[in-house]
Structure formats: C-alpha cells, structure tokens
Amino acid sequence: MQNVIEVEELAERLRPGRTVAGIDLGDKTIGVAVSDAGLSFAHPRPVIMRKKFTQDATALLALLAKENVGAIAIGLPVNMDGTHGPRAQKSRAFVRNMAPLTDLPFLFWDERLSTVAAERTLIEMDFSRAKRSGKIDSAAASFILQGVLDRLRRLRAG
C-alpha cells in the first residue's frame, strides 16, 4: 500500500497547520479523535455509526476534511502475544479500501490495551455503562492518537 507510512515518516509528510486523526475501527462504530494544530493533544469526536463501506468512507472523509487532517493513525489490534488476528486483518482491509479514496497517508498504531485504558478512564470519570458504550470508541481513538502524538514529539526532540 503506497500511502501507508511509519510514524517516523509522519513529521516530514505532514504539512504545517494540518492535524492528525486517530481511528478506532469497530464492527458497529468508527471512533475518531483529532489532534490540535500544535500536535500535542488528542480530542475525541462523535463516533461514526457503521453502515456500508461507501457511507462510512464518505462520512469519515467529510469529517477529516472539516478538521484539516493531514494524516490518519488507525489502531491495529495486535494480540497480546504480538500476532495479528482477524481484527488486524479487518483494519488493514479498511485502509486498503480507503487508500484509493484519499491522498492522506495512513499509519498503523499498535492499539493493545487502548480500549481497556479508555474504559478505565471513563469509569473514573463516573460515566454510566450506557454512556460509556457511546463514547468508548472515540476515547480509544484518543488513546491511539495520543500515543502517536507523544511518539512524534519524542522524535522531534531527539
């Protein structure tokens, strides 16, 4: 896939003033988070309810355009033993299908424990189970994106 990059390439590919989006791909929803222009903080956005791929892609691309996104970090669900199972294959297939629709580069980010961390944070914030279910994917996308932003900051400092 030509527009899949490594996080180390992100700094040189990202034009000034552009943001980065984080995506947590679920079966029923797409969690989305977007960075600030300074690439310091991840901010959750409302989830996209999954329908058909074409509708999902249209909704996602519209949101990315509105948010001035210059790159997309998508969570890669790696198993705890480091292997890639069916969920990782779904994420790769999603990017393969999205890539022809946009010039934006994609990068995969190991999302192990991001959903667990997101749920723990929402529990600490005293969200009810019902409210958590509507926010968990965007919160997980925020954890994914924040990991990318922190790595980018370390690369720039190093």
C-alpha atoms as a PDB file:
ATOM      1  CA  MET A   1       0.000   0.000   0.000  1.00  0.00           C
ATOM      2  CA  GLN A   2       1.665   3.161  -1.192  1.00  0.00           C
ATOM      3  CA  ASN A   3       0.154   5.663   1.238  1.00  0.00           C
ATOM      4  CA  VAL A   4       0.857   3.672   4.400  1.00  0.00           C
ATOM      5  CA  ILE A   5       3.732   5.248   6.289  1.00  0.00           C
ATOM      6  CA  GLU A   6       5.644   4.639   9.502  1.00  0.00           C
ATOM      7  CA  VAL A   7       5.318   7.093  12.390  1.00  0.00           C
ATOM      8  CA  GLU A   8       8.923   8.169  11.738  1.00  0.00           C
ATOM      9  CA  GLU A   9       7.833   9.486   8.307  1.00  0.00           C
ATOM     10  CA  LEU A  10       4.918  11.478   9.709  1.00  0.00           C
ATOM     11  CA  ALA A  11       6.900  14.611  10.606  1.00  0.00           C
ATOM     12  CA  GLU A  12       8.215  15.055   7.068  1.00  0.00           C
ATOM     13  CA  ARG A  13       4.898  14.187   5.366  1.00  0.00           C
ATOM     14  CA  LEU A  14       2.649  16.421   7.482  1.00  0.00           C
ATOM     15  CA  ARG A  15       2.247  19.943   6.138  1.00  0.00           C
ATOM     16  CA  PRO A  16       2.315  22.795   8.693  1.00  0.00           C
ATOM     17  CA  GLY A  17      -1.070  23.579  10.241  1.00  0.00           C
ATOM     18  CA  ARG A  18      -2.544  20.169   9.454  1.00  0.00           C
ATOM     19  CA  THR A  19      -3.881  17.894  12.185  1.00  0.00           C
ATOM     20  CA  VAL A  20      -3.685  14.139  12.664  1.00  0.00           C
ATOM     21  CA  ALA A  21      -6.709  11.881  13.144  1.00  0.00           C
ATOM     22  CA  GLY A  22      -6.819   8.713  15.215  1.00  0.00           C
ATOM     23  CA  ILE A  23      -9.272   5.957  14.321  1.00  0.00           C
ATOM     24  CA  ASP A  24     -10.514   3.019  16.348  1.00  0.00           C
ATOM     25  CA  LEU A  25     -12.322   0.708  13.948  1.00  0.00           C
ATOM     26  CA  GLY A  26     -15.170  -1.257  15.499  1.00  0.00           C
ATOM     27  CA  ASP A  27     -17.760  -3.545  13.957  1.00  0.00           C
ATOM     28  CA  LYS A  28     -20.601  -1.107  14.685  1.00  0.00           C
ATOM     29  CA  THR A  29     -18.818   2.225  15.028  1.00  0.00           C
ATOM     30  CA  ILE A  30     -15.724   4.122  13.975  1.00  0.00           C
ATOM     31  CA  GLY A  31     -14.194   6.006  16.872  1.00  0.00           C
ATOM     32  CA  VAL A  32     -12.470   9.212  15.820  1.00  0.00           C
ATOM     33  CA  ALA A  33     -10.143  11.639  17.564  1.00  0.00           C
ATOM     34  CA  VAL A  34      -8.363  14.652  16.073  1.00  0.00           C
ATOM     35  CA  SER A  35      -5.241  16.436  17.261  1.00  0.00           C
ATOM     36  CA  ASP A  36      -4.930  20.127  17.878  1.00  0.00           C
ATOM     37  CA  ALA A  37      -2.930  22.131  15.304  1.00  0.00           C
ATOM     38  CA  GLY A  38       0.124  22.016  17.590  1.00  0.00           C
ATOM     39  CA  LEU A  39       0.044  18.181  17.526  1.00  0.00           C
ATOM     40  CA  SER A  40       0.031  17.996  21.325  1.00  0.00           C
ATOM     41  CA  PHE A  41      -3.389  16.690  22.353  1.00  0.00           C
ATOM     42  CA  ALA A  42      -5.962  14.217  21.037  1.00  0.00           C
ATOM     43  CA  HIS A  43      -9.589  15.339  21.156  1.00  0.00           C
ATOM     44  CA  PRO A  44     -12.396  12.780  20.766  1.00  0.00           C
ATOM     45  CA  ARG A  45     -15.070  13.380  18.146  1.00  0.00           C
ATOM     46  CA  PRO A  46     -18.523  11.769  17.893  1.00  0.00           C
ATOM     47  CA  VAL A  47     -18.419   8.188  16.640  1.00  0.00           C
ATOM     48  CA  ILE A  48     -19.464   7.345  13.112  1.00  0.00           C
ATOM     49  CA  MET A  49     -22.134   4.656  13.090  1.00  0.00           C
ATOM     50  CA  ARG A  50     -21.126   1.983  10.583  1.00  0.00           C
ATOM     51  CA  LYS A  51     -23.452   1.247   7.702  1.00  0.00           C
ATOM     52  CA  LYS A  52     -21.981   0.273   4.334  1.00  0.00           C
ATOM     53  CA  PHE A  53     -18.345   0.923   3.495  1.00  0.00           C
ATOM     54  CA  THR A  54     -19.181   3.655   0.964  1.00  0.00           C
ATOM     55  CA  GLN A  55     -21.290   5.534   3.526  1.00  0.00           C
ATOM     56  CA  ASP A  56     -18.667   5.026   6.246  1.00  0.00           C
ATOM     57  CA  ALA A  57     -15.913   6.315   3.948  1.00  0.00           C
ATOM     58  CA  THR A  58     -17.951   9.354   2.875  1.00  0.00           C
ATOM     59  CA  ALA A  59     -18.741  10.300   6.483  1.00  0.00           C
ATOM     60  CA  LEU A  60     -15.145   9.794   7.597  1.00  0.00           C
ATOM     61  CA  LEU A  61     -13.629  11.749   4.695  1.00  0.00           C
ATOM     62  CA  ALA A  62     -16.049  14.642   5.287  1.00  0.00           C
ATOM     63  CA  LEU A  63     -15.046  14.786   8.961  1.00  0.00           C
ATOM     64  CA  LEU A  64     -11.343  14.616   8.093  1.00  0.00           C
ATOM     65  CA  ALA A  65     -11.687  17.450   5.568  1.00  0.00           C
ATOM     66  CA  LYS A  66     -13.580  19.611   8.082  1.00  0.00           C
ATOM     67  CA  GLU A  67     -10.859  19.008  10.700  1.00  0.00           C
ATOM     68  CA  ASN A  68      -7.977  19.837   8.299  1.00  0.00           C
ATOM     69  CA  VAL A  69      -6.474  16.378   8.780  1.00  0.00           C
ATOM     70  CA  GLY A  70      -3.158  15.664   7.089  1.00  0.00           C
ATOM     71  CA  ALA A  71      -2.623  12.043   8.206  1.00  0.00           C
ATOM     72  CA  ILE A  72      -4.614   9.189   9.738  1.00  0.00           C
ATOM     73  CA  ALA A  73      -3.414   6.894  12.515  1.00  0.00           C
ATOM     74  CA  ILE A  74      -5.516   3.742  12.653  1.00  0.00           C
ATOM     75  CA  GLY A  75      -5.421   1.372  15.577  1.00  0.00           C
ATOM     76  CA  LEU A  76      -4.037  -2.045  14.717  1.00  0.00           C
ATOM     77  CA  PRO A  77      -5.479  -4.645  17.088  1.00  0.00           C
ATOM     78  CA  VAL A  78      -2.399  -6.747  17.771  1.00  0.00           C
ATOM     79  CA  ASN A  79      -2.886  -9.785  20.018  1.00  0.00           C
ATOM     80  CA  MET A  80      -1.109  -9.695  23.375  1.00  0.00           C
ATOM     81  CA  ASP A  81       1.438 -12.224  22.049  1.00  0.00           C
ATOM     82  CA  GLY A  82       2.248  -9.908  19.111  1.00  0.00           C
ATOM     83  CA  THR A  83       0.401 -11.894  16.442  1.00  0.00           C
ATOM     84  CA  HIS A  84      -2.114 -10.374  14.039  1.00  0.00           C
ATOM     85  CA  GLY A  85      -5.559 -11.953  14.012  1.00  0.00           C
ATOM     86  CA  PRO A  86      -8.824 -11.333  12.140  1.00  0.00           C
ATOM     87  CA  ARG A  87      -9.391  -7.879  13.685  1.00  0.00           C
ATOM     88  CA  ALA A  88      -5.974  -6.683  12.471  1.00  0.00           C
ATOM     89  CA  GLN A  89      -6.838  -8.028   9.017  1.00  0.00           C
ATOM     90  CA  LYS A  90     -10.081  -6.002   9.095  1.00  0.00           C
ATOM     91  CA  SER A  91      -8.136  -2.829   9.889  1.00  0.00           C
ATOM     92  CA  ARG A  92      -5.695  -3.492   7.045  1.00  0.00           C
ATOM     93  CA  ALA A  93      -8.590  -4.201   4.649  1.00  0.00           C
ATOM     94  CA  PHE A  94     -10.292  -0.945   5.707  1.00  0.00           C
ATOM     95  CA  VAL A  95      -7.124   1.016   4.872  1.00  0.00           C
ATOM     96  CA  ARG A  96      -6.733  -0.864   1.569  1.00  0.00           C
ATOM     97  CA  ASN A  97     -10.275   0.189   0.647  1.00  0.00           C
ATOM     98  CA  MET A  98      -9.856   3.778   1.900  1.00  0.00           C
ATOM     99  CA  ALA A  99      -6.454   4.417   0.293  1.00  0.00           C
ATOM    100  CA  PRO A 100      -7.768   4.923  -3.279  1.00  0.00           C
ATOM    101  CA  LEU A 101     -10.294   7.485  -1.972  1.00  0.00           C
ATOM    102  CA  THR A 102      -7.805   9.913  -0.429  1.00  0.00           C
ATOM    103  CA  ASP A 103      -4.254  11.216  -0.734  1.00  0.00           C
ATOM    104  CA  LEU A 104      -3.890  11.243   3.052  1.00  0.00           C
ATOM    105  CA  PRO A 105      -1.211   8.927   4.419  1.00  0.00           C
ATOM    106  CA  PHE A 106      -2.224   6.211   6.893  1.00  0.00           C
ATOM    107  CA  LEU A 107      -0.128   4.782   9.663  1.00  0.00           C
ATOM    108  CA  PHE A 108      -0.924   1.752  11.780  1.00  0.00           C
ATOM    109  CA  TRP A 109      -0.519   2.046  15.540  1.00  0.00           C
ATOM    110  CA  ASP A 110      -0.432  -0.888  17.945  1.00  0.00           C
ATOM    111  CA  GLU A 111      -3.607  -0.367  19.929  1.00  0.00           C
ATOM    112  CA  ARG A 112      -3.103  -3.076  22.553  1.00  0.00           C
ATOM    113  CA  LEU A 113      -4.941  -2.047  25.701  1.00  0.00           C
ATOM    114  CA  SER A 114      -6.231   1.275  24.273  1.00  0.00           C
ATOM    115  CA  THR A 115      -9.872   0.234  24.750  1.00  0.00           C
ATOM    116  CA  VAL A 116      -9.093  -1.040  28.256  1.00  0.00           C
ATOM    117  CA  ALA A 117      -7.395   2.264  29.127  1.00  0.00           C
ATOM    118  CA  ALA A 118     -10.253   4.257  27.595  1.00  0.00           C
ATOM    119  CA  GLU A 119     -12.868   2.314  29.556  1.00  0.00           C
ATOM    120  CA  ARG A 120     -10.921   2.720  32.794  1.00  0.00           C
ATOM    121  CA  THR A 121     -10.747   6.489  32.218  1.00  0.00           C
ATOM    122  CA  LEU A 122     -14.484   6.732  31.502  1.00  0.00           C
ATOM    123  CA  ILE A 123     -15.240   4.723  34.662  1.00  0.00           C
ATOM    124  CA  GLU A 124     -13.004   7.059  36.676  1.00  0.00           C
ATOM    125  CA  MET A 125     -14.971   9.965  35.191  1.00  0.00           C
ATOM    126  CA  ASP A 126     -18.115   8.271  36.562  1.00  0.00           C
ATOM    127  CA  PHE A 127     -19.792   7.623  33.207  1.00  0.00           C
ATOM    128  CA  SER A 128     -22.612   5.091  33.415  1.00  0.00           C
ATOM    129  CA  ARG A 129     -22.297   1.867  31.414  1.00  0.00           C
ATOM    130  CA  ALA A 130     -24.818   3.206  28.857  1.00  0.00           C
ATOM    131  CA  LYS A 131     -22.933   6.483  28.399  1.00  0.00           C
ATOM    132  CA  ARG A 132     -19.586   4.651  28.206  1.00  0.00           C
ATOM    133  CA  SER A 133     -20.772   2.482  25.319  1.00  0.00           C
ATOM    134  CA  GLY A 134     -21.419   5.592  23.213  1.00  0.00           C
ATOM    135  CA  LYS A 135     -18.019   7.122  23.981  1.00  0.00           C
ATOM    136  CA  ILE A 136     -15.662   4.150  24.257  1.00  0.00           C
ATOM    137  CA  ASP A 137     -14.580   4.010  20.598  1.00  0.00           C
ATOM    138  CA  SER A 138     -13.771   7.723  20.385  1.00  0.00           C
ATOM    139  CA  ALA A 139     -11.983   7.525  23.735  1.00  0.00           C
ATOM    140  CA  ALA A 140      -9.956   4.563  22.406  1.00  0.00           C
ATOM    141  CA  ALA A 141      -9.212   6.591  19.243  1.00  0.00           C
ATOM    142  CA  SER A 142      -7.920   9.367  21.529  1.00  0.00           C
ATOM    143  CA  PHE A 143      -5.560   6.932  23.276  1.00  0.00           C
ATOM    144  CA  ILE A 144      -4.314   5.687  19.894  1.00  0.00           C
ATOM    145  CA  LEU A 145      -3.780   9.225  18.614  1.00  0.00           C
ATOM    146  CA  GLN A 146      -2.157  10.426  21.835  1.00  0.00           C
ATOM    147  CA  GLY A 147       0.364   7.589  21.543  1.00  0.00           C
ATOM    148  CA  VAL A 148       1.214   8.737  18.024  1.00  0.00           C
ATOM    149  CA  LEU A 149       1.487  12.400  19.085  1.00  0.00           C
ATOM    150  CA  ASP A 150       3.737  11.500  22.043  1.00  0.00           C
ATOM    151  CA  ARG A 151       5.993   9.426  19.761  1.00  0.00           C
ATOM    152  CA  LEU A 152       6.106  12.276  17.224  1.00  0.00           C
ATOM    153  CA  ARG A 153       7.109  14.720  19.967  1.00  0.00           C
ATOM    154  CA  ARG A 154       9.919  12.381  21.120  1.00  0.00           C
ATOM    155  CA  LEU A 155      11.146  12.004  17.513  1.00  0.00           C
ATOM    156  CA  ARG A 156      11.230  15.776  17.045  1.00  0.00           C
ATOM    157  CA  ALA A 157      13.061  16.290  20.364  1.00  0.00           C
ATOM    158  CA  GLY A 158      15.556  13.505  19.685  1.00  0.00           C
END
